[in-house]
Amino acid sequence: MDVVGFWTRSWISDDGTAVRKLLAPDVEVEWNLDAPVDDEELMQVQHRIAAFADSVTVTGQTVAEDGAAVVYDLTAPFGTARMIEFLAVVEGRITEVRQVYDVTSTDRYFPGLYAN
């Protein structure tokens, strides 16, 4: 199975059930947003992006045997923010998710995205 491709298609299409199946029970999640993160918060933010964005486009990807780096453009009604995601994959499950957002653009074009 193409875990990384299935992951990107699943969260972009707002398929939370598929996303949950891909995450290892002890998945480690980190990001540079000014909010604490765990797998539930990650899924909530991905849902908000999928629901609000005009489009989410994979603009670049580097895949290795044990994971990938994926670059996304998150296009909102008034502009585009970029996010880079680093995934670690073990035995078909995602064990680590590291997301780096262009915080200035994210705050401008996706206001309240990660507010609790």
C-alpha atoms as a PDB file:
ATOM      1  CA  MET A   1       0.000   0.000   0.000  1.00  0.00           C
ATOM      2  CA  ASP A   2       1.143   3.522  -0.763  1.00  0.00           C
ATOM      3  CA  VAL A   3       0.717   4.799   2.806  1.00  0.00           C
ATOM      4  CA  VAL A   4       1.849   8.355   2.072  1.00  0.00           C
ATOM      5  CA  GLY A   5      -0.369   8.731  -0.995  1.00  0.00           C
ATOM      6  CA  PHE A   6      -3.345   7.261   0.856  1.00  0.00           C
ATOM      7  CA  TRP A   7      -2.647   9.618   3.790  1.00  0.00           C
ATOM      8  CA  THR A   8      -2.601  12.742   1.638  1.00  0.00           C
ATOM      9  CA  ARG A   9      -5.716  11.747  -0.324  1.00  0.00           C
ATOM     10  CA  SER A  10      -7.550  10.821   2.896  1.00  0.00           C
ATOM     11  CA  TRP A  11      -7.009  14.023   4.858  1.00  0.00           C
ATOM     12  CA  ILE A  12      -7.406  16.283   1.820  1.00  0.00           C
ATOM     13  CA  SER A  13     -10.786  14.666   1.103  1.00  0.00           C
ATOM     14  CA  ASP A  14     -11.707  14.962   4.807  1.00  0.00           C
ATOM     15  CA  ASP A  15     -11.926  11.187   5.374  1.00  0.00           C
ATOM     16  CA  GLY A  16     -11.249  11.089   9.117  1.00  0.00           C
ATOM     17  CA  THR A  17     -11.922   7.346   9.350  1.00  0.00           C
ATOM     18  CA  ALA A  18      -9.163   6.566   6.835  1.00  0.00           C
ATOM     19  CA  VAL A  19      -6.780   9.038   8.502  1.00  0.00           C
ATOM     20  CA  ARG A  20      -7.358   7.428  11.896  1.00  0.00           C
ATOM     21  CA  LYS A  21      -6.627   3.934  10.479  1.00  0.00           C
ATOM     22  CA  LEU A  22      -3.257   5.116   9.182  1.00  0.00           C
ATOM     23  CA  LEU A  23      -2.075   6.614  12.478  1.00  0.00           C
ATOM     24  CA  ALA A  24      -0.211   4.326  14.854  1.00  0.00           C
ATOM     25  CA  PRO A  25      -1.757   4.254  18.360  1.00  0.00           C
ATOM     26  CA  ASP A  26       1.310   5.992  19.801  1.00  0.00           C
ATOM     27  CA  VAL A  27       1.856   8.437  16.920  1.00  0.00           C
ATOM     28  CA  GLU A  28       4.082  11.428  17.723  1.00  0.00           C
ATOM     29  CA  VAL A  29       2.773  14.729  16.362  1.00  0.00           C
ATOM     30  CA  GLU A  30       4.551  18.084  16.298  1.00  0.00           C
ATOM     31  CA  TRP A  31       3.987  21.379  14.512  1.00  0.00           C
ATOM     32  CA  ASN A  32       5.096  24.983  14.646  1.00  0.00           C
ATOM     33  CA  LEU A  33       1.635  26.414  15.346  1.00  0.00           C
ATOM     34  CA  ASP A  34       1.202  28.177  18.661  1.00  0.00           C
ATOM     35  CA  ALA A  35      -0.988  25.450  20.124  1.00  0.00           C
ATOM     36  CA  PRO A  36      -0.419  22.091  21.774  1.00  0.00           C
ATOM     37  CA  VAL A  37      -0.903  19.142  19.446  1.00  0.00           C
ATOM     38  CA  ASP A  38      -1.847  15.500  19.665  1.00  0.00           C
ATOM     39  CA  ASP A  39      -3.444  13.193  17.129  1.00  0.00           C
ATOM     40  CA  GLU A  40      -6.964  14.469  17.880  1.00  0.00           C
ATOM     41  CA  GLU A  41      -5.979  18.115  17.433  1.00  0.00           C
ATOM     42  CA  LEU A  42      -4.097  17.192  14.240  1.00  0.00           C
ATOM     43  CA  MET A  43      -7.229  15.571  12.835  1.00  0.00           C
ATOM     44  CA  GLN A  44      -9.368  18.578  13.824  1.00  0.00           C
ATOM     45  CA  VAL A  45      -7.018  21.022  12.081  1.00  0.00           C
ATOM     46  CA  GLN A  46      -6.826  18.807   8.980  1.00  0.00           C
ATOM     47  CA  HIS A  47     -10.635  18.689   8.942  1.00  0.00           C
ATOM     48  CA  ARG A  48     -10.832  22.503   9.197  1.00  0.00           C
ATOM     49  CA  ILE A  49      -8.350  22.911   6.344  1.00  0.00           C
ATOM     50  CA  ALA A  50     -10.189  20.407   4.134  1.00  0.00           C
ATOM     51  CA  ALA A  51     -13.545  22.056   4.893  1.00  0.00           C
ATOM     52  CA  PHE A  52     -12.424  25.690   4.483  1.00  0.00           C
ATOM     53  CA  ALA A  53      -9.800  25.538   1.730  1.00  0.00           C
ATOM     54  CA  ASP A  54     -10.733  26.054  -1.882  1.00  0.00           C
ATOM     55  CA  SER A  55      -8.094  23.425  -2.611  1.00  0.00           C
ATOM     56  CA  VAL A  56      -5.222  21.548  -1.017  1.00  0.00           C
ATOM     57  CA  THR A  57      -2.547  20.636  -3.525  1.00  0.00           C
ATOM     58  CA  VAL A  58       0.542  18.474  -3.132  1.00  0.00           C
ATOM     59  CA  THR A  59       3.212  20.590  -4.817  1.00  0.00           C
ATOM     60  CA  GLY A  60       6.207  18.428  -3.968  1.00  0.00           C
ATOM     61  CA  GLN A  61       7.037  15.111  -2.404  1.00  0.00           C
ATOM     62  CA  THR A  62      10.113  13.105  -1.510  1.00  0.00           C
ATOM     63  CA  VAL A  63       9.396   9.516  -0.553  1.00  0.00           C
ATOM     64  CA  ALA A  64      11.764   7.134   1.220  1.00  0.00           C
ATOM     65  CA  GLU A  65      11.260   3.573   2.421  1.00  0.00           C
ATOM     66  CA  ASP A  66      10.496   4.743   5.948  1.00  0.00           C
ATOM     67  CA  GLY A  67       8.543   7.939   5.292  1.00  0.00           C
ATOM     68  CA  ALA A  68       8.219  11.063   3.233  1.00  0.00           C
ATOM     69  CA  ALA A  69       8.331  14.827   3.073  1.00  0.00           C
ATOM     70  CA  VAL A  70       5.275  16.400   1.451  1.00  0.00           C
ATOM     71  CA  VAL A  71       4.798  20.049   0.457  1.00  0.00           C
ATOM     72  CA  TYR A  72       1.244  21.390   0.279  1.00  0.00           C
ATOM     73  CA  ASP A  73      -0.329  24.595  -0.971  1.00  0.00           C
ATOM     74  CA  LEU A  74      -3.434  25.389   1.095  1.00  0.00           C
ATOM     75  CA  THR A  75      -5.522  27.724  -1.037  1.00  0.00           C
ATOM     76  CA  ALA A  76      -8.125  29.758   0.824  1.00  0.00           C
ATOM     77  CA  PRO A  77     -10.574  32.299  -0.615  1.00  0.00           C
ATOM     78  CA  PHE A  78      -8.102  35.203  -0.233  1.00  0.00           C
ATOM     79  CA  GLY A  79      -4.670  33.596  -0.594  1.00  0.00           C
ATOM     80  CA  THR A  80      -2.452  30.540  -0.276  1.00  0.00           C
ATOM     81  CA  ALA A  81      -0.461  29.236   2.675  1.00  0.00           C
ATOM     82  CA  ARG A  82       2.202  26.547   2.463  1.00  0.00           C
ATOM     83  CA  MET A  83       2.705  23.578   4.769  1.00  0.00           C
ATOM     84  CA  ILE A  84       5.461  20.980   4.754  1.00  0.00           C
ATOM     85  CA  GLU A  85       4.829  17.652   6.388  1.00  0.00           C
ATOM     86  CA  PHE A  86       7.343  14.990   7.417  1.00  0.00           C
ATOM     87  CA  LEU A  87       5.952  11.506   7.924  1.00  0.00           C
ATOM     88  CA  ALA A  88       7.588   8.404   9.399  1.00  0.00           C
ATOM     89  CA  VAL A  89       6.069   5.075   8.378  1.00  0.00           C
ATOM     90  CA  VAL A  90       6.602   1.743  10.124  1.00  0.00           C
ATOM     91  CA  GLU A  91       4.820  -1.436   9.043  1.00  0.00           C
ATOM     92  CA  GLY A  92       2.174   0.466   7.095  1.00  0.00           C
ATOM     93  CA  ARG A  93       1.286   2.889   9.905  1.00  0.00           C
ATOM     94  CA  ILE A  94       2.299   6.516  10.366  1.00  0.00           C
ATOM     95  CA  THR A  95       4.319   6.777  13.572  1.00  0.00           C
ATOM     96  CA  GLU A  96       5.414  10.424  13.332  1.00  0.00           C
ATOM     97  CA  VAL A  97       3.840  13.529  11.818  1.00  0.00           C
ATOM     98  CA  ARG A  98       5.823  16.770  11.791  1.00  0.00           C
ATOM     99  CA  GLN A  99       4.165  19.774  10.179  1.00  0.00           C
ATOM    100  CA  VAL A 100       5.800  23.103   9.432  1.00  0.00           C
ATOM    101  CA  TYR A 101       3.398  25.861   8.448  1.00  0.00           C
ATOM    102  CA  ASP A 102       4.069  29.245   6.911  1.00  0.00           C
ATOM    103  CA  VAL A 103       2.544  30.738  10.049  1.00  0.00           C
ATOM    104  CA  THR A 104       2.175  34.290   8.726  1.00  0.00           C
ATOM    105  CA  SER A 105       0.171  33.138   5.696  1.00  0.00           C
ATOM    106  CA  THR A 106      -1.749  30.551   7.710  1.00  0.00           C
ATOM    107  CA  ASP A 107      -2.844  33.155  10.253  1.00  0.00           C
ATOM    108  CA  ARG A 108      -3.800  35.565   7.451  1.00  0.00           C
ATOM    109  CA  TYR A 109      -5.689  33.163   5.154  1.00  0.00           C
ATOM    110  CA  PHE A 110      -6.954  30.584   7.690  1.00  0.00           C
ATOM    111  CA  PRO A 111      -7.778  32.732  10.754  1.00  0.00           C
ATOM    112  CA  GLY A 112      -8.688  30.711  13.838  1.00  0.00           C
ATOM    113  CA  LEU A 113      -7.466  27.462  12.267  1.00  0.00           C
ATOM    114  CA  TYR A 114      -5.813  26.177  15.417  1.00  0.00           C
ATOM    115  CA  ALA A 115      -7.633  28.161  18.106  1.00  0.00           C
ATOM    116  CA  ASN A 116      -8.866  25.997  20.941  1.00  0.00           C
END
